[in-house]
């Protein structure tokens, strides 16, 4: 049980092809305005299964947090809302058969939801793609995972919160579902202190908050996910530098996981990890930047 209260959780699922590669995402909203994001992917699934997996992740997180106060879980899936609020009880009563006696699809996931659900949870439908900030962010996370990408997941930096996460049972960190052993719940433990769905506006503050948790306190699986995300980011930066691509301030900020203002405030040339970042020119209202490997510059000078 923790002093920080969960007020609501947004969930969403996505699938490319239906069936096809899928992804899911959740955004946990806390009473102090901070958020915590999670998501995962499946190589072969359906949209409904991803919607259900997102709902399961929300319930598992709530259970692990130990909160007893009421919360609202929002989803844009009428299928999830109908399953939870209308269909589960009669389906169970009929031995997991529908009205026409055909077997209920996705029974494995629905049974998990049935076990985890409680009266403290109110399930509420939210219209998708209608400008709802939480729903839009969940959709963004789910679609990224469905397309084979690993989005940067934004989280609060409370030390107590992170220690609590490290105590969440492993089956919540890595969830293997019956239809695919590759279906994983991925929790990215890059920490940031944010009061909305936007990244930090100060690069130095972001860097500071990421050190509030000793990396050794995290489970090994989380540290491996962190490392993979980092390697992918560095690979992208290397390709941008090698091909001579020019990128905008917002694109560079996404790469560095900071706010765009933290990029433009650093001047015309500065170092970031293995690269020298140089301001090249302005096109309209966009500043274009170039990345060059600093070790290669040194080799050329020698």
Protein backbone atom coordinates (compact mmCIF):
# COMPACT_ATOMS: atom_id res chain seq x y z
CA UNK A 1 0.00 0.00 0.00
CA UNK A 2 1.43 3.39 -1.01
CA UNK A 3 0.60 7.01 -0.19
CA UNK A 4 0.56 7.91 -3.89
CA UNK A 5 -2.90 7.08 -5.22
CA UNK A 6 -3.87 5.83 -8.66
CA UNK A 7 -6.78 7.90 -9.95
CA UNK A 8 -7.32 6.31 -13.36
CA UNK A 9 -5.73 4.05 -15.94
CA UNK A 10 -6.08 4.34 -19.72
CA UNK A 11 -5.68 1.22 -21.85
CA UNK A 12 -5.54 0.49 -25.57
CA UNK A 13 -4.58 -2.25 -28.00
CA UNK A 14 -3.64 -2.27 -31.68
CA UNK A 15 -3.08 -4.85 -34.38
CA UNK A 16 -1.66 -4.63 -37.88
CA UNK A 17 -3.67 -6.99 -40.08
CA UNK A 18 -5.99 -8.42 -37.41
CA UNK A 19 -4.68 -11.08 -37.08
CA UNK A 20 -1.12 -9.86 -37.31
CA UNK A 21 1.56 -8.13 -35.23
CA UNK A 22 0.01 -6.40 -32.26
CA UNK A 23 0.77 -4.08 -29.39
CA UNK A 24 -0.84 -2.69 -26.26
CA UNK A 25 -0.28 0.25 -23.96
CA UNK A 26 -1.45 1.65 -20.65
CA UNK A 27 -1.10 5.02 -18.93
CA UNK A 28 -1.45 5.07 -15.14
CA UNK A 29 -2.51 8.48 -13.78
CA UNK A 30 -1.65 9.35 -10.17
CA UNK A 31 -3.23 11.82 -7.77
CA UNK A 32 -0.23 14.19 -7.92
CA UNK A 33 -0.52 14.54 -11.70
CA UNK A 34 2.32 12.15 -12.52
CA UNK A 35 1.95 9.22 -14.90
CA UNK A 36 3.47 5.81 -15.53
CA UNK A 37 3.41 4.15 -18.95
CA UNK A 38 3.74 0.49 -19.91
CA UNK A 39 3.33 -1.52 -23.09
CA UNK A 40 4.20 -4.68 -24.96
CA UNK A 41 3.90 -6.58 -28.22
CA UNK A 42 2.88 -9.88 -29.78
CA UNK A 43 4.12 -11.16 -33.17
CA UNK A 44 0.77 -12.74 -34.10
CA UNK A 45 -2.46 -11.78 -32.40
CA UNK A 46 -5.76 -9.92 -32.82
CA UNK A 47 -6.95 -6.46 -31.90
CA UNK A 48 -9.34 -7.80 -29.26
CA UNK A 49 -6.59 -9.81 -27.60
CA UNK A 50 -4.39 -6.75 -27.39
CA UNK A 51 -7.27 -4.74 -25.89
CA UNK A 52 -7.73 -7.49 -23.30
CA UNK A 53 -3.99 -7.69 -22.60
CA UNK A 54 -3.92 -3.96 -21.90
CA UNK A 55 -6.83 -4.39 -19.49
CA UNK A 56 -4.99 -7.24 -17.75
CA UNK A 57 -1.85 -5.11 -17.39
CA UNK A 58 -3.92 -2.35 -15.79
CA UNK A 59 -5.50 -4.74 -13.30
CA UNK A 60 -2.18 -6.41 -12.49
CA UNK A 61 -0.54 -3.06 -11.87
CA UNK A 62 -3.40 -1.99 -9.61
CA UNK A 63 -3.21 -5.25 -7.67
CA UNK A 64 0.57 -5.00 -7.27
CA UNK A 65 0.23 -1.39 -6.10
CA UNK A 66 -2.08 -2.55 -3.33
CA UNK A 67 -4.56 0.30 -3.58
CA UNK A 68 -8.04 -0.26 -2.19
CA UNK A 69 -9.61 3.08 -3.19
CA UNK A 70 -11.87 3.21 -6.24
CA UNK A 71 -10.39 3.99 -9.65
CA UNK A 72 -11.64 4.26 -13.24
CA UNK A 73 -10.15 2.25 -16.11
CA UNK A 74 -10.79 3.87 -19.49
CA UNK A 75 -10.81 1.97 -22.78
CA UNK A 76 -12.02 2.80 -26.29
CA UNK A 77 -12.85 -0.87 -26.85
CA UNK A 78 -16.58 -1.57 -26.69
CA UNK A 79 -15.63 -5.25 -26.77
CA UNK A 80 -13.74 -4.93 -23.45
CA UNK A 81 -16.53 -2.84 -21.88
CA UNK A 82 -19.21 -5.33 -22.95
CA UNK A 83 -17.15 -8.32 -21.84
CA UNK A 84 -16.58 -6.90 -18.36
CA UNK A 85 -19.93 -5.22 -17.76
CA UNK A 86 -22.36 -7.48 -19.64
CA UNK A 87 -21.10 -10.77 -20.99
CA UNK A 88 -18.72 -12.35 -18.47
CA UNK A 89 -21.33 -13.49 -15.96
CA UNK A 90 -23.69 -15.19 -18.46
CA UNK A 91 -20.75 -16.73 -20.31
CA UNK A 92 -19.40 -18.25 -17.10
CA UNK A 93 -22.86 -19.47 -16.15
CA UNK A 94 -23.13 -21.31 -19.47
CA UNK A 95 -19.69 -22.89 -19.12
CA UNK A 96 -17.97 -20.26 -21.29
CA UNK A 97 -20.47 -20.65 -24.07
CA UNK A 98 -22.26 -17.85 -25.90
CA UNK A 99 -26.03 -17.65 -26.41
CA UNK A 100 -25.75 -19.78 -29.55
CA UNK A 101 -23.66 -22.36 -27.61
CA UNK A 102 -20.49 -21.51 -29.55
CA UNK A 103 -17.31 -21.28 -27.46
CA UNK A 104 -16.30 -17.88 -26.14
CA UNK A 105 -13.26 -16.47 -27.91
CA UNK A 106 -10.25 -15.30 -25.87
CA UNK A 107 -11.43 -17.28 -22.87
CA UNK A 108 -7.90 -17.52 -21.46
CA UNK A 109 -7.56 -13.74 -21.19
CA UNK A 110 -11.14 -13.21 -20.04
CA UNK A 111 -10.63 -15.67 -17.18
CA UNK A 112 -7.61 -13.64 -16.02
CA UNK A 113 -9.63 -10.42 -16.15
CA UNK A 114 -12.44 -12.10 -14.23
CA UNK A 115 -9.98 -13.15 -11.50
CA UNK A 116 -8.31 -9.74 -11.23
CA UNK A 117 -11.35 -7.49 -11.54
CA UNK A 118 -12.90 -6.05 -8.38
CA UNK A 119 -15.74 -3.73 -7.30
CA UNK A 120 -13.23 -0.91 -6.76
CA UNK A 121 -12.79 -0.65 -10.55
CA UNK A 122 -15.24 1.25 -12.73
CA UNK A 123 -14.86 0.45 -16.43
CA UNK A 124 -15.67 3.40 -18.66
CA UNK A 125 -15.76 3.68 -22.43
CA UNK A 126 -13.93 6.62 -23.99
CA UNK A 127 -14.30 7.52 -27.62
CA UNK A 128 -11.16 6.69 -29.57
CA UNK A 129 -9.28 9.25 -31.71
CA UNK A 130 -11.38 12.06 -30.25
CA UNK A 131 -8.63 14.10 -28.64
CA UNK A 132 -8.63 12.42 -25.24
CA UNK A 133 -5.03 12.79 -24.07
CA UNK A 134 -4.77 9.52 -22.16
CA UNK A 135 -6.42 7.50 -24.88
CA UNK A 136 -4.29 9.10 -27.59
CA UNK A 137 -1.08 8.30 -25.72
CA UNK A 138 -2.14 4.67 -25.19
CA UNK A 139 -2.93 4.38 -28.88
CA UNK A 140 0.50 5.79 -29.71
CA UNK A 141 2.25 3.23 -27.47
CA UNK A 142 0.18 0.30 -28.76
CA UNK A 143 0.70 1.21 -32.43
CA UNK A 144 4.42 1.64 -31.92
CA UNK A 145 4.76 -1.85 -30.45
CA UNK A 146 2.50 -3.29 -33.18
CA UNK A 147 4.79 -1.83 -35.85
CA UNK A 148 7.89 -3.39 -34.28
CA UNK A 149 9.17 -0.24 -32.60
CA UNK A 150 10.03 0.25 -28.93
CA UNK A 151 8.57 3.58 -27.79
CA UNK A 152 10.13 5.60 -25.01
CA UNK A 153 7.84 5.08 -22.03
CA UNK A 154 7.56 8.02 -19.66
CA UNK A 155 7.44 7.44 -15.93
CA UNK A 156 7.54 9.21 -12.61
CA UNK A 157 10.83 9.36 -10.74
CA UNK A 158 9.71 8.85 -7.15
CA UNK A 159 12.28 6.63 -5.44
CA UNK A 160 9.59 4.94 -3.36
CA UNK A 161 7.59 4.31 -6.51
CA UNK A 162 10.55 2.71 -8.28
CA UNK A 163 11.36 0.52 -5.29
CA UNK A 164 7.76 -0.63 -5.26
CA UNK A 165 8.02 -1.50 -8.95
CA UNK A 166 11.06 -3.66 -8.25
CA UNK A 167 8.95 -5.66 -5.82
CA UNK A 168 6.14 -6.33 -8.30
CA UNK A 169 6.03 -10.11 -8.95
CA UNK A 170 7.94 -11.26 -11.99
CA UNK A 171 4.84 -12.66 -13.68
CA UNK A 172 3.65 -9.08 -14.03
CA UNK A 173 6.91 -7.99 -15.60
CA UNK A 174 6.98 -10.75 -18.21
CA UNK A 175 3.61 -12.18 -19.13
CA UNK A 176 3.51 -15.25 -21.39
CA UNK A 177 0.05 -15.91 -22.83
CA UNK A 178 -1.29 -19.24 -24.00
CA UNK A 179 -1.36 -18.41 -27.70
CA UNK A 180 2.25 -17.25 -27.94
CA UNK A 181 5.30 -17.64 -25.74
CA UNK A 182 6.67 -14.50 -27.37
CA UNK A 183 3.89 -12.27 -26.06
CA UNK A 184 5.70 -10.07 -23.57
CA UNK A 185 4.86 -7.25 -21.26
CA UNK A 186 7.76 -4.83 -21.49
CA UNK A 187 8.28 -2.30 -18.73
CA UNK A 188 10.80 0.37 -19.67
CA UNK A 189 12.30 1.77 -16.50
CA UNK A 190 13.72 5.07 -17.79
CA UNK A 191 12.56 7.46 -15.04
CA UNK A 192 11.32 11.00 -15.56
CA UNK A 193 9.47 13.42 -13.30
CA UNK A 194 6.55 14.77 -15.29
CA UNK A 195 3.23 16.31 -14.35
CA UNK A 196 1.51 15.81 -17.72
CA UNK A 197 1.78 13.69 -20.85
CA UNK A 198 4.61 15.86 -22.20
CA UNK A 199 8.32 15.18 -21.56
CA UNK A 200 10.39 17.30 -19.16
CA UNK A 201 11.20 20.77 -20.41
CA UNK A 202 14.65 20.85 -18.84
CA UNK A 203 17.33 18.46 -20.01
CA UNK A 204 19.35 18.81 -16.84
CA UNK A 205 16.33 18.01 -14.67
CA UNK A 206 15.57 14.98 -16.80
CA UNK A 207 19.11 13.75 -16.45
CA UNK A 208 18.98 14.29 -12.69
CA UNK A 209 15.68 12.47 -12.23
CA UNK A 210 16.92 9.45 -14.11
CA UNK A 211 19.51 8.92 -11.40
CA UNK A 212 17.03 8.82 -8.52
CA UNK A 213 16.96 5.03 -8.71
CA UNK A 214 19.99 2.82 -8.51
CA UNK A 215 19.86 0.66 -11.63
CA UNK A 216 20.95 -2.34 -9.56
CA UNK A 217 17.60 -2.22 -7.74
CA UNK A 218 15.73 -3.10 -10.94
CA UNK A 219 15.10 -6.71 -11.97
CA UNK A 220 17.53 -8.01 -14.59
CA UNK A 221 14.80 -8.25 -17.26
CA UNK A 222 14.10 -4.52 -16.92
CA UNK A 223 17.79 -3.64 -17.14
CA UNK A 224 18.10 -5.72 -20.32
CA UNK A 225 15.12 -3.87 -21.85
CA UNK A 226 16.77 -0.57 -20.92
CA UNK A 227 19.99 -1.65 -22.59
CA UNK A 228 18.23 -2.78 -25.75
CA UNK A 229 16.40 0.54 -25.97
CA UNK A 230 19.67 2.41 -25.54
CA UNK A 231 21.45 0.35 -28.21
CA UNK A 232 18.61 0.96 -30.66
CA UNK A 233 18.75 4.72 -29.98
CA UNK A 234 22.52 4.79 -30.53
CA UNK A 235 22.17 2.73 -33.71
CA UNK A 236 19.67 5.23 -35.10
CA UNK A 237 21.96 8.14 -34.21
CA UNK A 238 24.88 6.40 -35.92
CA UNK A 239 22.87 5.86 -39.09
CA UNK A 240 21.76 9.50 -39.13
CA UNK A 241 25.40 10.59 -38.81
CA UNK A 242 26.70 8.11 -41.39
CA UNK A 243 24.09 9.02 -44.02
CA UNK A 244 24.52 12.74 -43.38
CA UNK A 245 20.84 13.23 -42.64
CA UNK A 246 19.74 16.57 -41.23
CA UNK A 247 17.10 16.38 -38.52
CA UNK A 248 14.84 18.97 -36.90
CA UNK A 249 14.97 20.09 -33.27
CA UNK A 250 11.88 18.05 -32.40
CA UNK A 251 13.32 14.94 -34.09
CA UNK A 252 16.60 15.38 -32.26
CA UNK A 253 14.72 15.88 -28.99
CA UNK A 254 12.84 12.62 -29.58
CA UNK A 255 16.13 10.84 -30.20
CA UNK A 256 17.66 12.22 -27.00
CA UNK A 257 14.39 11.83 -25.03
CA UNK A 258 14.26 15.48 -23.98
CA UNK A 259 12.03 18.48 -24.75
CA UNK A 260 12.84 20.44 -27.92
CA UNK A 261 13.68 23.54 -25.88
CA UNK A 262 16.49 21.60 -24.22
CA UNK A 263 18.03 21.12 -27.68
CA UNK A 264 17.79 24.68 -28.95
CA UNK A 265 19.03 26.21 -25.69
CA UNK A 266 22.41 24.49 -25.91
CA UNK A 267 23.88 26.62 -28.66
CA UNK A 268 25.11 25.98 -32.20
CA UNK A 269 27.46 23.08 -31.45
CA UNK A 270 27.73 20.66 -28.53
CA UNK A 271 28.52 17.06 -27.68
CA UNK A 272 25.96 14.34 -27.02
CA UNK A 273 27.31 10.89 -26.17
CA UNK A 274 29.49 9.85 -29.17
CA UNK A 275 28.40 12.67 -31.46
CA UNK A 276 29.08 16.32 -32.12
CA UNK A 277 25.74 18.01 -32.74
CA UNK A 278 25.88 21.08 -34.98
CA UNK A 279 23.24 23.58 -36.00
CA UNK A 280 23.31 23.73 -39.81
CA UNK A 281 20.59 26.11 -40.93
CA UNK A 282 16.97 27.17 -40.56
CA UNK A 283 14.28 26.16 -43.02
CA UNK A 284 11.10 28.09 -42.39
CA UNK A 285 10.35 27.70 -38.70
CA UNK A 286 12.53 24.58 -38.36
CA UNK A 287 16.16 24.40 -37.21
CA UNK A 288 18.13 21.60 -38.87
CA UNK A 289 20.89 19.74 -37.02
CA UNK A 290 23.73 17.47 -38.12
CA UNK A 291 25.30 14.62 -36.13
CA UNK A 292 28.95 13.65 -36.60
CA UNK A 293 30.83 10.95 -34.73
CA UNK A 294 33.32 12.66 -32.42
CA UNK A 295 35.82 9.76 -32.56
CA UNK A 296 35.95 9.97 -36.35
CA UNK A 297 36.64 13.70 -36.21
CA UNK A 298 39.57 12.97 -33.88
CA UNK A 299 40.92 10.29 -36.23
CA UNK A 300 40.80 12.69 -39.18
CA UNK A 301 42.66 15.36 -37.18
CA UNK A 302 45.43 12.88 -36.38
